Amino acid sequence: MPTPEKLATDATVAIMLADGFEEVEALAVADVLYRAGVRSDLISVTDARHVISSHGIRVVADLMLEDVDLSTYTVLFLPGGMPGTLNLKATPAIQTEVLRRSDESQPIAAICAAPSILSELGILDGRHATANPAFVKAIAEGGAIVHENPVVADEFITTSRGAGTALELGIELVRQLLGDEAAEEVSRGVVLAR
């Protein structure tokens, strides 16, 4: 994703892409962050910068996983999709970074099926969260207090339900990084019905 011409913050977001990711979830969040002036990098966990979405759309990532230090990003964002979620979960660097962030209370966002990664790593236990309806049972079994809200923020963990809630997740991340006024401005700009 191109860096916005006018950055509103030094905060950055790592958007992790694995083959089979849900393109709306990744790119809608990236779009909202761009509009707010937040740098977000599309980072491939595959062996190529071209990553194939769950619907066969080829997206060119900005960076390769081996070329970045995920700990330098303000937020780690895991889009869902199948088999994208399984491919993210199978990436050791993702598991390591999620656990590190949990230990240090650093921001993690996940949408659709991806909250199941957080659940399987034990970091949703006792936390409020949401996920795609097909994955609600999985996060509940991991100890999450499940909600049906489009977006649920519990301290440093933010989860969302799916492609239809991706804009709302993006707006919530803007709110967390830049405040209510910036979130409302971007929300109006994308004509997000409320």
Protein backbone atom coordinates (compact mmCIF):
# COMPACT_ATOMS: atom_id res chain seq x y z
CA MET A 1 0.00 0.00 0.00
CA PRO A 2 1.47 3.36 -0.86
CA THR A 3 2.38 5.51 2.11
CA PRO A 4 -0.07 8.41 2.44
CA GLU A 5 1.38 11.73 1.26
CA LYS A 6 0.44 13.30 4.59
CA LEU A 7 1.04 11.03 7.57
CA ALA A 8 -1.17 11.78 10.57
CA THR A 9 0.91 9.63 12.94
CA ASP A 10 4.10 7.65 13.32
CA ALA A 11 1.96 4.57 14.06
CA THR A 12 2.19 1.77 11.50
CA VAL A 13 0.13 -1.32 10.73
CA ALA A 14 1.46 -4.65 9.43
CA ILE A 15 -1.21 -6.32 7.27
CA MET A 16 -0.21 -9.95 6.92
CA LEU A 17 -1.05 -11.72 3.66
CA ALA A 18 -1.01 -15.47 3.13
CA ASP A 19 -2.32 -17.31 0.07
CA GLY A 20 -6.08 -17.65 0.51
CA PHE A 21 -6.57 -14.37 2.41
CA GLU A 22 -9.92 -12.57 2.17
CA GLU A 23 -9.15 -9.57 -0.02
CA VAL A 24 -11.99 -7.34 1.21
CA GLU A 25 -10.89 -7.77 4.82
CA ALA A 26 -7.27 -6.88 4.08
CA LEU A 27 -7.77 -4.14 1.52
CA ALA A 28 -10.77 -2.36 3.07
CA VAL A 29 -8.82 -1.95 6.31
CA ALA A 30 -5.75 -0.79 4.36
CA ASP A 31 -7.90 1.73 2.46
CA VAL A 32 -9.39 3.22 5.64
CA LEU A 33 -5.95 3.50 7.25
CA TYR A 34 -4.58 5.20 4.12
CA ARG A 35 -7.42 7.74 4.14
CA ALA A 36 -6.61 8.51 7.79
CA GLY A 37 -2.93 9.03 7.06
CA VAL A 38 -1.71 5.84 8.72
CA ARG A 39 1.06 3.88 7.00
CA SER A 40 0.08 0.25 6.52
CA ASP A 41 2.27 -2.31 4.81
CA LEU A 42 0.96 -5.38 3.01
CA ILE A 43 3.42 -8.09 4.06
CA SER A 44 3.60 -11.45 2.29
CA VAL A 45 4.24 -14.56 4.37
CA THR A 46 4.65 -16.59 1.16
CA ASP A 47 7.80 -16.99 -0.92
CA ALA A 48 6.67 -14.27 -3.36
CA ARG A 49 5.35 -10.71 -3.28
CA HIS A 50 2.34 -11.81 -5.34
CA VAL A 51 -0.21 -13.31 -2.97
CA ILE A 52 -3.36 -15.05 -4.21
CA SER A 53 -6.59 -14.22 -2.37
CA SER A 54 -9.33 -16.68 -1.48
CA HIS A 55 -11.13 -15.60 -4.68
CA GLY A 56 -8.10 -15.94 -6.94
CA ILE A 57 -7.20 -12.24 -7.04
CA ARG A 58 -3.46 -11.60 -7.23
CA VAL A 59 -2.30 -8.84 -4.89
CA VAL A 60 1.25 -7.50 -4.82
CA ALA A 61 2.54 -7.13 -1.27
CA ASP A 62 4.76 -4.20 -0.31
CA LEU A 63 7.22 -6.34 1.60
CA MET A 64 8.27 -9.90 2.32
CA LEU A 65 8.10 -11.27 5.86
CA GLU A 66 11.84 -12.00 5.95
CA ASP A 67 12.56 -8.34 5.19
CA VAL A 68 10.68 -6.85 8.15
CA ASP A 69 10.79 -6.79 11.92
CA LEU A 70 7.15 -7.18 12.96
CA SER A 71 7.91 -5.85 16.43
CA THR A 72 8.50 -2.38 14.94
CA TYR A 73 4.87 -2.05 13.83
CA THR A 74 2.30 -0.48 16.11
CA VAL A 75 -0.46 -2.94 15.12
CA LEU A 76 -0.29 -6.49 13.76
CA PHE A 77 -3.37 -7.18 11.62
CA LEU A 78 -4.44 -10.68 10.57
CA PRO A 79 -7.07 -10.82 7.79
CA GLY A 80 -9.21 -13.93 7.60
CA GLY A 81 -10.25 -16.05 4.65
CA MET A 82 -9.65 -19.68 3.87
CA PRO A 83 -7.16 -21.15 3.53
CA GLY A 84 -5.46 -17.83 4.36
CA THR A 85 -6.11 -18.16 8.09
CA LEU A 86 -4.65 -21.66 8.13
CA ASN A 87 -1.61 -20.43 6.19
CA LEU A 88 -1.07 -17.54 8.62
CA LYS A 89 -1.43 -19.92 11.57
CA ALA A 90 1.18 -22.23 10.00
CA THR A 91 3.71 -19.38 9.79
CA PRO A 92 6.03 -19.62 12.84
CA ALA A 93 6.87 -15.90 12.74
CA ILE A 94 3.16 -15.04 13.07
CA GLN A 95 2.73 -17.31 16.09
CA THR A 96 5.87 -15.90 17.69
CA GLU A 97 4.82 -12.28 17.12
CA VAL A 98 1.26 -12.83 18.35
CA LEU A 99 2.56 -14.38 21.57
CA ARG A 100 5.17 -11.64 22.03
CA ARG A 101 2.54 -8.95 21.54
CA SER A 102 0.24 -10.66 24.00
CA ASP A 103 3.00 -10.81 26.61
CA GLU A 104 3.78 -7.10 26.08
CA SER A 105 0.15 -5.92 25.62
CA GLN A 106 0.82 -4.58 22.11
CA PRO A 107 -2.00 -4.14 19.58
CA ILE A 108 -3.27 -7.09 17.55
CA ALA A 109 -6.28 -7.05 15.23
CA ALA A 110 -7.92 -10.06 13.59
CA ILE A 111 -11.04 -10.53 11.50
CA CYS A 112 -13.32 -13.35 10.33
CA ALA A 113 -11.57 -16.71 10.85
CA ALA A 114 -8.29 -15.15 12.04
CA PRO A 115 -9.41 -14.65 15.68
CA SER A 116 -9.22 -18.47 15.86
CA ILE A 117 -5.42 -18.10 15.61
CA LEU A 118 -5.47 -15.91 18.72
CA SER A 119 -7.78 -18.37 20.45
CA GLU A 120 -5.61 -21.38 19.66
CA LEU A 121 -2.59 -19.54 21.06
CA GLY A 122 -4.52 -18.96 24.30
CA ILE A 123 -4.68 -15.18 24.21
CA LEU A 124 -8.47 -14.82 23.99
CA ASP A 125 -9.05 -16.70 27.24
CA GLY A 126 -11.27 -14.45 29.39
CA ARG A 127 -11.30 -11.69 26.75
CA HIS A 128 -14.22 -10.19 24.87
CA ALA A 129 -14.01 -11.06 21.17
CA THR A 130 -15.91 -11.82 18.01
CA ALA A 131 -15.33 -13.81 14.82
CA ASN A 132 -17.08 -15.08 11.73
CA PRO A 133 -20.14 -17.11 12.83
CA ALA A 134 -18.42 -20.29 11.58
CA PHE A 135 -15.55 -19.63 14.04
CA VAL A 136 -17.48 -18.44 17.09
CA LYS A 137 -17.45 -21.93 18.60
CA ALA A 138 -13.66 -22.15 18.13
CA ILE A 139 -12.98 -18.89 19.95
CA ALA A 140 -15.49 -19.78 22.68
CA GLU A 141 -13.67 -23.08 23.21
CA GLY A 142 -10.49 -21.02 23.59
CA GLY A 143 -12.10 -19.13 26.47
CA ALA A 144 -13.30 -16.01 24.65
CA ILE A 145 -16.37 -14.15 25.88
CA VAL A 146 -18.12 -14.07 22.52
CA HIS A 147 -20.06 -11.10 21.17
CA GLU A 148 -21.95 -10.60 17.92
CA ASN A 149 -20.91 -6.95 17.55
CA PRO A 150 -19.25 -6.06 14.22
CA VAL A 151 -16.05 -5.10 16.08
CA VAL A 152 -14.97 -5.88 19.63
CA ALA A 153 -12.01 -4.19 21.32
CA ASP A 154 -10.67 -5.64 24.57
CA GLU A 155 -7.58 -3.76 25.73
CA PHE A 156 -4.94 -4.38 23.04
CA ILE A 157 -6.90 -7.01 21.07
CA THR A 158 -9.45 -5.99 18.44
CA THR A 159 -11.55 -8.56 16.57
CA SER A 160 -14.17 -8.31 13.86
CA ARG A 161 -16.70 -10.61 12.19
CA GLY A 162 -15.93 -10.68 8.47
CA ALA A 163 -15.77 -8.99 5.09
CA GLY A 164 -18.97 -7.03 5.78
CA THR A 165 -17.45 -5.49 8.92
CA ALA A 166 -13.99 -4.69 7.52
CA LEU A 167 -14.66 -0.96 7.11
CA GLU A 168 -15.85 -0.79 10.71
CA LEU A 169 -12.69 -2.56 11.85
CA GLY A 170 -10.60 -0.05 9.90
CA ILE A 171 -12.50 2.83 11.51
CA GLU A 172 -11.95 1.33 14.97
CA LEU A 173 -8.21 1.07 14.32
CA VAL A 174 -8.21 4.71 13.21
CA ARG A 175 -10.05 5.59 16.44
CA GLN A 176 -7.45 3.74 18.51
CA LEU A 177 -4.51 5.34 16.68
CA LEU A 178 -5.83 8.88 16.03
CA GLY A 179 -8.93 9.44 18.14
CA ASP A 180 -12.66 9.88 17.67
CA GLU A 181 -12.54 12.95 15.42
CA ALA A 182 -10.29 11.27 12.84
CA ALA A 183 -12.42 8.13 12.93
CA GLU A 184 -15.60 10.13 12.34
CA GLU A 185 -13.99 12.07 9.48
CA VAL A 186 -12.91 8.90 7.68
CA SER A 187 -16.27 7.28 8.39
CA ARG A 188 -18.03 10.19 6.69
CA GLY A 189 -15.54 10.08 3.82
CA VAL A 190 -16.32 6.43 3.01
CA VAL A 191 -20.04 7.02 3.64
CA LEU A 192 -20.20 4.35 6.32
CA ALA A 193 -23.83 4.09 7.42
CA ARG A 194 -24.30 4.20 11.17
